């Protein structure tokens, strides 16, 4: 299928693939922070009956109901038991695997295999700890999936010199970025729309609850009360930013302002609520998707489109 048509030109913009390097390094650091933050509670979260808080068999059973093909820690534990190793060793191996894979992503060694293994093990952990997980786990999985399916061998390796990049490969790289961009637009639009439907974001009460309910109450409540008059305005600004994100992020004149604003919003979430992993993964995805680069918003001129149509006829 040709990618030269006026309609397909938007989906297949030529791209150098530098955004994949941002995504790879960012996800590698995020995976390391995710794994290291769970080190002391790893066995409590993912252990089985008698060892874990809830038992990984409960979350595994729930995942199996959704689909028997979803990776889960039970597969890894079962494989270790077949060679005579117990659950504790399997859980330790999964933890160390994520640490090593995160380091390999940052360095850029074996990017394709590393991305796949990181996605598989991280997804297994996220599903087996699903009752205790939150949005950051799913977003890390999403980022690793994009990294896994993208043409990494051309752009992510530190030794890549772009010597063998042809136009079709550049367009394929651009297509993967475009899908990520559209994915983020959908996330923000429907997230912002759901906020707009309730009055809590318009009067500031949702922000008050978010900043004062444990374990997110890092800021002293009297500070928040002192600045309470700002909460309605901040709530409205968040609603408008997320809802309009998919429309104004594409415009050259407003792109950087929107990108900076959304990153500052997530940075504030990380600092004020302690949701560092969530803030980090959202900033990584946004920067990888929309930081200025070759062919990011390239649209063919009208004359070129007419020539393409005429040649096709």
Foldseek 3Di string as FASTA:
>chain_A
DDCLAQVSCQLQFFFQQQLLQLLLQLLLVLLQCVLVVCVVVQQQQQPAPPTHVVGLVVLLVVVVVVPVPFAALVVQQVVCVVVPDHPVVSSVVLSVLSNVLSVCSNQQPPQQVSLVVNLRSLRRSCSSNVVPDDDLSVLSNVSSVLSNPQPCVQHHHPPHPNPPDDSNNSRSNSNSLSVLLVVLLVVLQVVLVVLVVDCCLQQLVVVLCLCCPPPQVPDPSVVCVVVVVCRNVVSVVSSVLSNCVSPQCLDPVCVVVSLVVVLVVLVCSCVRRVPVSNSSSVNSSSCSNRPDGRRNNDRDDPVSNVVVVVVVD
